[in-house]
C-alpha atoms as a PDB file:
ATOM      1  CA  MET A   1      94.652  71.856 141.424  1.00  0.00           C
ATOM      2  CA  ASN A   2      90.926  71.472 141.826  1.00  0.00           C
ATOM      3  CA  SER A   3      88.701  70.577 138.886  1.00  0.00           C
ATOM      4  CA  THR A   4      86.951  73.993 138.777  1.00  0.00           C
ATOM      5  CA  LEU A   5      90.282  75.800 138.386  1.00  0.00           C
ATOM      6  CA  LYS A   6      91.424  73.296 135.731  1.00  0.00           C
ATOM      7  CA  ARG A   7      88.166  73.787 133.821  1.00  0.00           C
ATOM      8  CA  THR A   8      88.507  77.579 134.027  1.00  0.00           C
ATOM      9  CA  LEU A   9      92.113  77.469 132.788  1.00  0.00           C
ATOM     10  CA  PHE A  10      91.171  75.049 130.022  1.00  0.00           C
ATOM     11  CA  CYS A  11      88.280  77.273 128.894  1.00  0.00           C
ATOM     12  CA  GLY A  12      90.501  80.342 128.995  1.00  0.00           C
ATOM     13  CA  LEU A  13      93.192  78.575 126.979  1.00  0.00           C
ATOM     14  CA  ALA A  14      90.584  77.310 124.490  1.00  0.00           C
ATOM     15  CA  ILE A  15      89.213  80.826 124.016  1.00  0.00           C
ATOM     16  CA  PHE A  16      92.740  82.187 123.581  1.00  0.00           C
ATOM     17  CA  CYS A  17      93.597  79.510 120.995  1.00  0.00           C
ATOM     18  CA  ALA A  18      90.344  80.100 119.136  1.00  0.00           C
ATOM     19  CA  GLY A  19      91.109  83.820 119.042  1.00  0.00           C
ATOM     20  CA  GLU A  20      94.613  83.152 117.713  1.00  0.00           C
ATOM     21  CA  PHE A  21      93.211  80.763 115.110  1.00  0.00           C
ATOM     22  CA  LEU A  22      90.669  83.345 113.977  1.00  0.00           C
ATOM     23  CA  THR A  23      93.359  86.010 113.857  1.00  0.00           C
ATOM     24  CA  GLY A  24      95.417  83.691 111.648  1.00  0.00           C
ATOM     25  CA  CYS A  25      92.403  83.184 109.409  1.00  0.00           C
ATOM     26  CA  SER A  26      91.857  86.926 109.225  1.00  0.00           C
ATOM     27  CA  LEU A  27      95.482  87.383 108.147  1.00  0.00           C
ATOM     28  CA  ILE A  28      94.912  84.924 105.308  1.00  0.00           C
ATOM     29  CA  SER A  29      91.693  86.759 104.497  1.00  0.00           C
ATOM     30  CA  ASP A  30      93.565  90.098 104.562  1.00  0.00           C
ATOM     31  CA  ILE A  31      96.167  88.766 102.118  1.00  0.00           C
ATOM     32  CA  TRP A  32      93.410  87.550  99.774  1.00  0.00           C
ATOM     33  CA  GLN A  33      91.587  90.846 100.194  1.00  0.00           C
ATOM     34  CA  GLN A  34      94.764  92.785  99.359  1.00  0.00           C
ATOM     35  CA  ASP A  35      95.075  90.853  96.102  1.00  0.00           C
ATOM     36  CA  THR A  36      91.465  91.685  95.320  1.00  0.00           C
ATOM     37  CA  ILE A  37      91.995  95.350  96.223  1.00  0.00           C
ATOM     38  CA  ALA A  38      95.137  95.470  94.078  1.00  0.00           C
ATOM     39  CA  GLU A  39      93.178  94.070  91.133  1.00  0.00           C
ATOM     40  CA  TYR A  40      90.358  96.546  91.746  1.00  0.00           C
ATOM     41  CA  GLY A  41      92.854  99.411  92.036  1.00  0.00           C
ATOM     42  CA  GLU A  42      94.513  98.425  88.773  1.00  0.00           C
ATOM     43  CA  LYS A  43      91.130  98.159  87.043  1.00  0.00           C
ATOM     44  CA  VAL A  44      90.125 101.620  88.301  1.00  0.00           C
ATOM     45  CA  PHE A  45      93.505 103.068  87.270  1.00  0.00           C
ATOM     46  CA  ARG A  46      93.054 101.701  83.743  1.00  0.00           C
ATOM     47  CA  LYS A  47      89.471 103.051  83.547  1.00  0.00           C
ATOM     48  CA  GLN A  48      90.705 106.462  84.654  1.00  0.00           C
ATOM     49  CA  ASN A  49      93.389 106.508  81.961  1.00  0.00           C
ATOM     50  CA  LEU A  50      90.866 105.453  79.341  1.00  0.00           C
ATOM     51  CA  ILE A  51      88.331 108.105  80.335  1.00  0.00           C
ATOM     52  CA  THR A  52      91.061 110.768  80.478  1.00  0.00           C
ATOM     53  CA  SER A  53      92.099 109.832  76.945  1.00  0.00           C
ATOM     54  CA  GLN A  54      88.494 109.984  75.753  1.00  0.00           C
ATOM     55  CA  VAL A  55      88.028 113.443  77.247  1.00  0.00           C
ATOM     56  CA  MET A  56      91.300 114.666  75.738  1.00  0.00           C
ATOM     57  CA  MET A  57      90.197 113.483  72.291  1.00  0.00           C
ATOM     58  CA  LEU A  58      87.091 115.676  72.352  1.00  0.00           C
ATOM     59  CA  SER A  59      87.262 118.793  70.242  1.00  0.00           C
ATOM     60  CA  GLU A  60      85.824 122.123  71.274  1.00  0.00           C
ATOM     61  CA  SER A  61      83.088 121.733  68.667  1.00  0.00           C
ATOM     62  CA  ASP A  62      81.869 118.560  70.426  1.00  0.00           C
ATOM     63  CA  LEU A  63      80.671 120.503  73.466  1.00  0.00           C
ATOM     64  CA  SER A  64      78.706 123.602  74.233  1.00  0.00           C
ATOM     65  CA  PRO A  65      80.397 125.990  76.697  1.00  0.00           C
ATOM     66  CA  LYS A  66      78.000 124.847  79.433  1.00  0.00           C
ATOM     67  CA  ASN A  67      78.701 121.154  78.803  1.00  0.00           C
ATOM     68  CA  SER A  68      82.408 121.839  78.500  1.00  0.00           C
ATOM     69  CA  GLN A  69      82.361 123.435  81.943  1.00  0.00           C
ATOM     70  CA  LYS A  70      80.427 120.460  83.402  1.00  0.00           C
ATOM     71  CA  LEU A  71      82.948 118.057  81.937  1.00  0.00           C
ATOM     72  CA  GLN A  72      85.894 120.132  83.196  1.00  0.00           C
ATOM     73  CA  GLN A  73      84.449 120.139  86.709  1.00  0.00           C
ATOM     74  CA  ALA A  74      83.833 116.385  86.616  1.00  0.00           C
ATOM     75  CA  GLU A  75      87.339 115.733  85.315  1.00  0.00           C
ATOM     76  CA  SER A  76      88.853 117.998  87.956  1.00  0.00           C
ATOM     77  CA  LYS A  77      86.963 116.084  90.656  1.00  0.00           C
ATOM     78  CA  MET A  78      88.158 112.793  89.200  1.00  0.00           C
ATOM     79  CA  GLN A  79      91.781 113.991  89.208  1.00  0.00           C
ATOM     80  CA  LYS A  80      91.405 115.004  92.860  1.00  0.00           C
ATOM     81  CA  ASP A  81      89.686 111.748  93.836  1.00  0.00           C
ATOM     82  CA  CYS A  82      92.246 109.632  91.941  1.00  0.00           C
ATOM     83  CA  LYS A  83      95.314 111.560  93.106  1.00  0.00           C
ATOM     84  CA  LEU A  84      96.468 108.933  95.608  1.00  0.00           C
ATOM     85  CA  LEU A  85      95.975 106.080  93.146  1.00  0.00           C
ATOM     86  CA  ASN A  86      97.999 107.960  90.525  1.00  0.00           C
ATOM     87  CA  GLU A  87     100.708 108.756  93.061  1.00  0.00           C
ATOM     88  CA  TYR A  88     100.828 105.085  94.054  1.00  0.00           C
ATOM     89  CA  ALA A  89     101.229 104.031  90.411  1.00  0.00           C
ATOM     90  CA  SER A  90     103.970 106.602  89.941  1.00  0.00           C
ATOM     91  CA  ARG A  91     105.842 105.410  93.029  1.00  0.00           C
ATOM     92  CA  GLU A  92     105.479 101.816  91.906  1.00  0.00           C
ATOM     93  CA  MET A  93     106.903 102.641  88.467  1.00  0.00           C
ATOM     94  CA  ASP A  94     109.817 104.436  90.126  1.00  0.00           C
ATOM     95  CA  LYS A  95     110.268 101.425  92.421  1.00  0.00           C
ATOM     96  CA  ALA A  96     110.032 103.777  95.394  1.00  0.00           C
ATOM     97  CA  THR A  97     109.255 102.542  98.873  1.00  0.00           C
ATOM     98  CA  ILE A  98     105.536 102.576  99.636  1.00  0.00           C
ATOM     99  CA  ASP A  99     104.740 102.533 103.335  1.00  0.00           C
ATOM    100  CA  LEU A 100     101.736 100.783 104.849  1.00  0.00           C
ATOM    101  CA  LEU A 101      99.939 103.983 105.862  1.00  0.00           C
ATOM    102  CA  PHE A 102     100.080 105.279 102.296  1.00  0.00           C
ATOM    103  CA  GLN A 103      98.858 101.909 100.984  1.00  0.00           C
ATOM    104  CA  LYS A 104      95.865 102.114 103.320  1.00  0.00           C
ATOM    105  CA  GLN A 105      95.112 105.667 102.209  1.00  0.00           C
ATOM    106  CA  VAL A 106      95.209 104.551  98.585  1.00  0.00           C
ATOM    107  CA  ARG A 107      92.955 101.551  99.306  1.00  0.00           C
ATOM    108  CA  ASP A 108      90.475 103.823 101.063  1.00  0.00           C
ATOM    109  CA  SER A 109      90.429 106.249  98.115  1.00  0.00           C
ATOM    110  CA  ILE A 110      89.858 103.773  95.280  1.00  0.00           C
ATOM    111  CA  SER A 111      86.062 103.630  95.540  1.00  0.00           C
ATOM    112  CA  GLY A 112      85.819 107.446  95.438  1.00  0.00           C
ATOM    113  CA  CYS A 113      88.036 107.491  92.367  1.00  0.00           C
ATOM    114  CA  ASP A 114      85.849 104.857  90.725  1.00  0.00           C
ATOM    115  CA  ALA A 115      82.701 106.838  91.535  1.00  0.00           C
ATOM    116  CA  SER A 116      84.176 109.945  89.886  1.00  0.00           C
ATOM    117  CA  ILE A 117      85.055 107.944  86.787  1.00  0.00           C
ATOM    118  CA  GLN A 118      81.509 106.598  86.614  1.00  0.00           C
ATOM    119  CA  SER A 119      80.178 110.170  86.900  1.00  0.00           C
ATOM    120  CA  ILE A 120      82.222 111.238  83.876  1.00  0.00           C
ATOM    121  CA  GLN A 121      81.141 108.152  81.943  1.00  0.00           C
ATOM    122  CA  LEU A 122      77.508 108.948  82.698  1.00  0.00           C
ATOM    123  CA  LEU A 123      78.008 112.592  81.696  1.00  0.00           C
ATOM    124  CA  LEU A 124      79.601 111.549  78.404  1.00  0.00           C
ATOM    125  CA  GLU A 125      76.692 109.180  77.749  1.00  0.00           C
ATOM    126  CA  GLN A 126      74.169 111.934  78.506  1.00  0.00           C
ATOM    127  CA  LEU A 127      76.009 114.221  76.079  1.00  0.00           C
ATOM    128  CA  GLY A 128      76.046 111.486  73.435  1.00  0.00           C
ATOM    129  CA  LEU A 129      79.841 111.392  73.438  1.00  0.00           C
ATOM    130  CA  LYS A 130      80.518 107.922  74.868  1.00  0.00           C
ATOM    131  CA  GLU A 131      82.073 105.435  72.459  1.00  0.00           C
END
């Protein structure tokens, strides 16, 4: 084998090994990221339950009809945006199988759920109803 061919094969092998090494590193990164996402998802789930409880504790005299409608719309949006996260929690409690596609869908929906929660928190603050 001539030296040019050996060098080409060596470079190709080195690039392949570097790619495999980086893929291995990305798998470790993905595992760490999943832990972080799971923690974030749990935090968002808890915030949603807290805000839902706060809204449920409001009496009709706390809100004008207009503000009541705003809050209902915001809560409805939050329920829609948090649907997958709630379904995930329900499946986990039931110890049901959770496939990878569904896990990805849940991960992708968490930030939207969190944004909806923050919208309700802001609305409650604007209405002077935030504890």
